[in-house]
PDB file of N, CA and C in Angstrom:
ATOM      1  N   MET A   1      49.391 129.745 -23.372  1.00  0.00           N
ATOM      2  CA  MET A   1      50.165 130.538 -24.293  1.00  0.00           C
ATOM      3  C   MET A   1      51.433 129.764 -24.656  1.00  0.00           C
ATOM      4  N   LYS A   2      51.711 129.684 -25.932  1.00  0.00           N
ATOM      5  CA  LYS A   2      52.921 129.004 -26.401  1.00  0.00           C
ATOM      6  C   LYS A   2      54.095 129.973 -26.326  1.00  0.00           C
ATOM      7  N   ASN A   3      55.291 129.405 -26.178  1.00  0.00           N
ATOM      8  CA  ASN A   3      56.471 130.262 -26.123  1.00  0.00           C
ATOM      9  C   ASN A   3      57.697 129.516 -26.630  1.00  0.00           C
ATOM     10  N   ARG A   4      58.730 130.282 -26.910  1.00  0.00           N
ATOM     11  CA  ARG A   4      59.989 129.748 -27.427  1.00  0.00           C
ATOM     12  C   ARG A   4      61.076 129.684 -26.360  1.00  0.00           C
ATOM     13  N   LEU A   5      60.703 129.807 -25.103  1.00  0.00           N
ATOM     14  CA  LEU A   5      61.709 129.843 -24.042  1.00  0.00           C
ATOM     15  C   LEU A   5      62.640 128.625 -24.030  1.00  0.00           C
ATOM     16  N   PRO A   6      62.115 127.407 -24.159  1.00  0.00           N
ATOM     17  CA  PRO A   6      63.045 126.260 -24.132  1.00  0.00           C
ATOM     18  C   PRO A   6      64.098 126.337 -25.237  1.00  0.00           C
ATOM     19  N   ALA A   7      63.701 126.716 -26.436  1.00  0.00           N
ATOM     20  CA  ALA A   7      64.644 126.810 -27.551  1.00  0.00           C
ATOM     21  C   ALA A   7      65.628 127.951 -27.344  1.00  0.00           C
ATOM     22  N   LEU A   8      65.141 129.091 -26.891  1.00  0.00           N
ATOM     23  CA  LEU A   8      66.018 130.235 -26.651  1.00  0.00           C
ATOM     24  C   LEU A   8      67.025 129.922 -25.546  1.00  0.00           C
ATOM     25  N   ARG A   9      66.550 129.243 -24.532  1.00  0.00           N
ATOM     26  CA  ARG A   9      67.408 128.854 -23.415  1.00  0.00           C
ATOM     27  C   ARG A   9      68.466 127.853 -23.894  1.00  0.00           C
ATOM     28  N   ALA A  10      68.049 126.889 -24.697  1.00  0.00           N
ATOM     29  CA  ALA A  10      68.969 125.868 -25.211  1.00  0.00           C
ATOM     30  C   ALA A  10      70.037 126.490 -26.119  1.00  0.00           C
ATOM     31  N   ASP A  11      69.640 127.481 -26.917  1.00  0.00           N
ATOM     32  CA  ASP A  11      70.607 128.161 -27.784  1.00  0.00           C
ATOM     33  C   ASP A  11      71.747 128.756 -26.979  1.00  0.00           C
ATOM     34  N   ARG A  12      71.442 129.190 -25.786  1.00  0.00           N
ATOM     35  CA  ARG A  12      72.448 129.825 -24.927  1.00  0.00           C
ATOM     36  C   ARG A  12      73.065 128.858 -23.922  1.00  0.00           C
ATOM     37  N   LYS A  13      72.591 127.600 -23.978  1.00  0.00           N
ATOM     38  CA  LYS A  13      73.076 126.555 -23.057  1.00  0.00           C
ATOM     39  C   LYS A  13      72.854 126.935 -21.597  1.00  0.00           C
ATOM     40  N   TRP A  14      71.694 127.550 -21.334  1.00  0.00           N
ATOM     41  CA  TRP A  14      71.322 127.928 -19.977  1.00  0.00           C
ATOM     42  C   TRP A  14      70.382 126.875 -19.409  1.00  0.00           C
ATOM     43  N   SER A  15      70.559 126.525 -18.164  1.00  0.00           N
ATOM     44  CA  SER A  15      69.605 125.657 -17.476  1.00  0.00           C
ATOM     45  C   SER A  15      68.403 126.508 -17.044  1.00  0.00           C
ATOM     46  N   GLN A  16      67.358 125.833 -16.609  1.00  0.00           N
ATOM     47  CA  GLN A  16      66.215 126.575 -16.063  1.00  0.00           C
ATOM     48  C   GLN A  16      66.657 127.381 -14.850  1.00  0.00           C
ATOM     49  N   ASN A  17      67.555 126.817 -14.054  1.00  0.00           N
ATOM     50  CA  ASN A  17      68.065 127.540 -12.881  1.00  0.00           C
ATOM     51  C   ASN A  17      68.801 128.812 -13.278  1.00  0.00           C
ATOM     52  N   GLU A  18      69.639 128.722 -14.319  1.00  0.00           N
ATOM     53  CA  GLU A  18      70.376 129.908 -14.770  1.00  0.00           C
ATOM     54  C   GLU A  18      69.430 130.997 -15.258  1.00  0.00           C
ATOM     55  N   LEU A  19      68.447 130.601 -16.072  1.00  0.00           N
ATOM     56  CA  LEU A  19      67.489 131.578 -16.582  1.00  0.00           C
ATOM     57  C   LEU A  19      66.709 132.199 -15.427  1.00  0.00           C
ATOM     58  N   ALA A  20      66.286 131.380 -14.493  1.00  0.00           N
ATOM     59  CA  ALA A  20      65.542 131.876 -13.334  1.00  0.00           C
ATOM     60  C   ALA A  20      66.371 132.897 -12.563  1.00  0.00           C
ATOM     61  N   ALA A  21      67.648 132.612 -12.369  1.00  0.00           N
ATOM     62  CA  ALA A  21      68.521 133.537 -11.636  1.00  0.00           C
ATOM     63  C   ALA A  21      68.666 134.858 -12.387  1.00  0.00           C
ATOM     64  N   ARG A  22      68.791 134.793 -13.694  1.00  0.00           N
ATOM     65  CA  ARG A  22      68.936 136.013 -14.502  1.00  0.00           C
ATOM     66  C   ARG A  22      67.673 136.870 -14.455  1.00  0.00           C
ATOM     67  N   LEU A  23      66.521 136.211 -14.262  1.00  0.00           N
ATOM     68  CA  LEU A  23      65.240 136.930 -14.248  1.00  0.00           C
ATOM     69  C   LEU A  23      64.745 137.194 -12.828  1.00  0.00           C
ATOM     70  N   ASP A  24      65.460 136.686 -11.843  1.00  0.00           N
ATOM     71  CA  ASP A  24      65.086 136.841 -10.443  1.00  0.00           C
ATOM     72  C   ASP A  24      63.712 136.232 -10.142  1.00  0.00           C
ATOM     73  N   VAL A  25      63.511 135.014 -10.655  1.00  0.00           N
ATOM     74  CA  VAL A  25      62.297 134.237 -10.378  1.00  0.00           C
ATOM     75  C   VAL A  25      62.742 132.824  -9.991  1.00  0.00           C
ATOM     76  N   SER A  26      61.808 131.982  -9.602  1.00  0.00           N
ATOM     77  CA  SER A  26      62.159 130.605  -9.236  1.00  0.00           C
ATOM     78  C   SER A  26      62.266 129.722 -10.483  1.00  0.00           C
ATOM     79  N   ARG A  27      62.976 128.609 -10.331  1.00  0.00           N
ATOM     80  CA  ARG A  27      63.063 127.635 -11.419  1.00  0.00           C
ATOM     81  C   ARG A  27      61.688 127.091 -11.743  1.00  0.00           C
ATOM     82  N   GLN A  28      60.848 126.947 -10.703  1.00  0.00           N
ATOM     83  CA  GLN A  28      59.490 126.445 -10.915  1.00  0.00           C
ATOM     84  C   GLN A  28      58.688 127.396 -11.807  1.00  0.00           C
ATOM     85  N   THR A  29      58.924 128.693 -11.673  1.00  0.00           N
ATOM     86  CA  THR A  29      58.242 129.669 -12.526  1.00  0.00           C
ATOM     87  C   THR A  29      58.654 129.465 -13.976  1.00  0.00           C
ATOM     88  N   ILE A  30      59.946 129.293 -14.222  1.00  0.00           N
ATOM     89  CA  ILE A  30      60.436 129.063 -15.586  1.00  0.00           C
ATOM     90  C   ILE A  30      59.826 127.784 -16.147  1.00  0.00           C
ATOM     91  N   ASN A  31      59.825 126.732 -15.348  1.00  0.00           N
ATOM     92  CA  ASN A  31      59.252 125.460 -15.789  1.00  0.00           C
ATOM     93  C   ASN A  31      57.780 125.617 -16.145  1.00  0.00           C
ATOM     94  N   ALA A  32      57.022 126.306 -15.312  1.00  0.00           N
ATOM     95  CA  ALA A  32      55.584 126.486 -15.562  1.00  0.00           C
ATOM     96  C   ALA A  32      55.344 127.326 -16.816  1.00  0.00           C
ATOM     97  N   ILE A  33      56.152 128.355 -17.031  1.00  0.00           N
ATOM     98  CA  ILE A  33      56.009 129.169 -18.251  1.00  0.00           C
ATOM     99  C   ILE A  33      56.318 128.317 -19.473  1.00  0.00           C
ATOM    100  N   GLU A  34      57.424 127.579 -19.430  1.00  0.00           N
ATOM    101  CA  GLU A  34      57.827 126.752 -20.577  1.00  0.00           C
ATOM    102  C   GLU A  34      56.768 125.707 -20.916  1.00  0.00           C
ATOM    103  N   LYS A  35      56.113 125.151 -19.909  1.00  0.00           N
ATOM    104  CA  LYS A  35      55.103 124.121 -20.150  1.00  0.00           C
ATOM    105  C   LYS A  35      53.720 124.697 -20.453  1.00  0.00           C
ATOM    106  N   GLY A  36      53.608 126.032 -20.433  1.00  0.00           N
ATOM    107  CA  GLY A  36      52.325 126.667 -20.756  1.00  0.00           C
ATOM    108  C   GLY A  36      51.311 126.622 -19.632  1.00  0.00           C
ATOM    109  N   ARG A  37      51.757 126.313 -18.412  1.00  0.00           N
ATOM    110  CA  ARG A  37      50.842 126.260 -17.275  1.00  0.00           C
ATOM    111  C   ARG A  37      50.703 127.607 -16.578  1.00  0.00           C
ATOM    112  N   TYR A  38      51.588 128.544 -16.940  1.00  0.00           N
ATOM    113  CA  TYR A  38      51.588 129.855 -16.292  1.00  0.00           C
ATOM    114  C   TYR A  38      51.968 130.905 -17.324  1.00  0.00           C
ATOM    115  N   ASP A  39      51.163 131.945 -17.424  1.00  0.00           N
ATOM    116  CA  ASP A  39      51.483 133.067 -18.299  1.00  0.00           C
ATOM    117  C   ASP A  39      52.195 134.125 -17.460  1.00  0.00           C
ATOM    118  N   PRO A  40      53.353 134.587 -17.929  1.00  0.00           N
ATOM    119  CA  PRO A  40      54.091 135.560 -17.130  1.00  0.00           C
ATOM    120  C   PRO A  40      53.357 136.888 -17.053  1.00  0.00           C
ATOM    121  N   SER A  41      53.614 137.616 -15.986  1.00  0.00           N
ATOM    122  CA  SER A  41      53.074 138.970 -15.876  1.00  0.00           C
ATOM    123  C   SER A  41      53.700 139.817 -16.978  1.00  0.00           C
ATOM    124  N   LEU A  42      53.093 140.936 -17.276  1.00  0.00           N
ATOM    125  CA  LEU A  42      53.634 141.817 -18.302  1.00  0.00           C
ATOM    126  C   LEU A  42      55.047 142.297 -17.952  1.00  0.00           C
ATOM    127  N   PRO A  43      55.301 142.719 -16.701  1.00  0.00           N
ATOM    128  CA  PRO A  43      56.678 143.112 -16.374  1.00  0.00           C
ATOM    129  C   PRO A  43      57.687 141.970 -16.576  1.00  0.00           C
ATOM    130  N   LEU A  44      57.310 140.745 -16.225  1.00  0.00           N
ATOM    131  CA  LEU A  44      58.212 139.614 -16.423  1.00  0.00           C
ATOM    132  C   LEU A  44      58.394 139.328 -17.915  1.00  0.00           C
ATOM    133  N   ALA A  45      57.338 139.432 -18.693  1.00  0.00           N
ATOM    134  CA  ALA A  45      57.448 139.222 -20.140  1.00  0.00           C
ATOM    135  C   ALA A  45      58.407 140.237 -20.757  1.00  0.00           C
ATOM    136  N   PHE A  46      58.332 141.491 -20.327  1.00  0.00           N
ATOM    137  CA  PHE A  46      59.262 142.510 -20.820  1.00  0.00           C
ATOM    138  C   PHE A  46      60.696 142.190 -20.406  1.00  0.00           C
ATOM    139  N   LYS A  47      60.865 141.719 -19.185  1.00  0.00           N
ATOM    140  CA  LYS A  47      62.192 141.368 -18.677  1.00  0.00           C
ATOM    141  C   LYS A  47      62.789 140.224 -19.503  1.00  0.00           C
ATOM    142  N   ILE A  48      61.961 139.232 -19.819  1.00  0.00           N
ATOM    143  CA  ILE A  48      62.399 138.103 -20.644  1.00  0.00           C
ATOM    144  C   ILE A  48      62.793 138.599 -22.035  1.00  0.00           C
ATOM    145  N   ALA A  49      61.968 139.444 -22.617  1.00  0.00           N
ATOM    146  CA  ALA A  49      62.241 139.975 -23.953  1.00  0.00           C
ATOM    147  C   ALA A  49      63.551 140.767 -23.972  1.00  0.00           C
ATOM    148  N   ARG A  50      63.766 141.580 -22.964  1.00  0.00           N
ATOM    149  CA  ARG A  50      65.018 142.360 -22.886  1.00  0.00           C
ATOM    150  C   ARG A  50      66.230 141.438 -22.752  1.00  0.00           C
ATOM    151  N   LEU A  51      66.104 140.401 -21.943  1.00  0.00           N
ATOM    152  CA  LEU A  51      67.206 139.470 -21.739  1.00  0.00           C
ATOM    153  C   LEU A  51      67.613 138.801 -23.055  1.00  0.00           C
ATOM    154  N   PHE A  52      66.622 138.388 -23.843  1.00  0.00           N
ATOM    155  CA  PHE A  52      66.906 137.702 -25.106  1.00  0.00           C
ATOM    156  C   PHE A  52      67.035 138.671 -26.287  1.00  0.00           C
ATOM    157  N   LYS A  53      66.853 139.970 -26.022  1.00  0.00           N
ATOM    158  CA  LYS A  53      66.942 141.007 -27.062  1.00  0.00           C
ATOM    159  C   LYS A  53      65.982 140.720 -28.219  1.00  0.00           C
ATOM    160  N   LEU A  54      64.739 140.379 -27.847  1.00  0.00           N
ATOM    161  CA  LEU A  54      63.680 140.098 -28.814  1.00  0.00           C
ATOM    162  C   LEU A  54      62.424 140.834 -28.392  1.00  0.00           C
ATOM    163  N   ALA A  55      61.493 140.977 -29.325  1.00  0.00           N
ATOM    164  CA  ALA A  55      60.176 141.523 -28.996  1.00  0.00           C
ATOM    165  C   ALA A  55      59.383 140.448 -28.249  1.00  0.00           C
ATOM    166  N   ILE A  56      58.504 140.875 -27.388  1.00  0.00           N
ATOM    167  CA  ILE A  56      57.656 139.926 -26.656  1.00  0.00           C
ATOM    168  C   ILE A  56      56.937 138.995 -27.626  1.00  0.00           C
ATOM    169  N   GLU A  57      56.453 139.560 -28.733  1.00  0.00           N
ATOM    170  CA  GLU A  57      55.720 138.764 -29.723  1.00  0.00           C
ATOM    171  C   GLU A  57      56.576 137.693 -30.384  1.00  0.00           C
ATOM    172  N   ASP A  58      57.896 137.875 -30.359  1.00  0.00           N
ATOM    173  CA  ASP A  58      58.790 136.881 -30.935  1.00  0.00           C
ATOM    174  C   ASP A  58      59.055 135.718 -29.975  1.00  0.00           C
ATOM    175  N   ILE A  59      58.666 135.881 -28.732  1.00  0.00           N
ATOM    176  CA  ILE A  59      58.867 134.832 -27.736  1.00  0.00           C
ATOM    177  C   ILE A  59      57.564 134.133 -27.389  1.00  0.00           C
ATOM    178  N   PHE A  60      56.495 134.924 -27.233  1.00  0.00           N
ATOM    179  CA  PHE A  60      55.197 134.397 -26.801  1.00  0.00           C
ATOM    180  C   PHE A  60      54.179 134.475 -27.924  1.00  0.00           C
ATOM    181  N   LYS A  61      53.410 133.405 -28.099  1.00  0.00           N
ATOM    182  CA  LYS A  61      52.348 133.344 -29.114  1.00  0.00           C
ATOM    183  C   LYS A  61      51.032 132.937 -28.453  1.00  0.00           C
ATOM    184  N   ASP A  62      49.942 133.515 -28.943  1.00  0.00           N
ATOM    185  CA  ASP A  62      48.611 133.153 -28.459  1.00  0.00           C
ATOM    186  C   ASP A  62      48.286 131.712 -28.751  1.00  0.00           C
TER     187      ASP A  62
END
């Protein structure tokens, strides 16, 4: 699954560690999501969307 996490994170000047801390996940989880090796659970996807104030569909693409 493709996503806009790296760009959204860069817009806010957040490191992977900062984003991970805000979402209460590991940096490795953020890295795996950004590289498309891991699809987040639905609760995590909602948490990400709320953090960036976007719809899930605006962050994640099939």
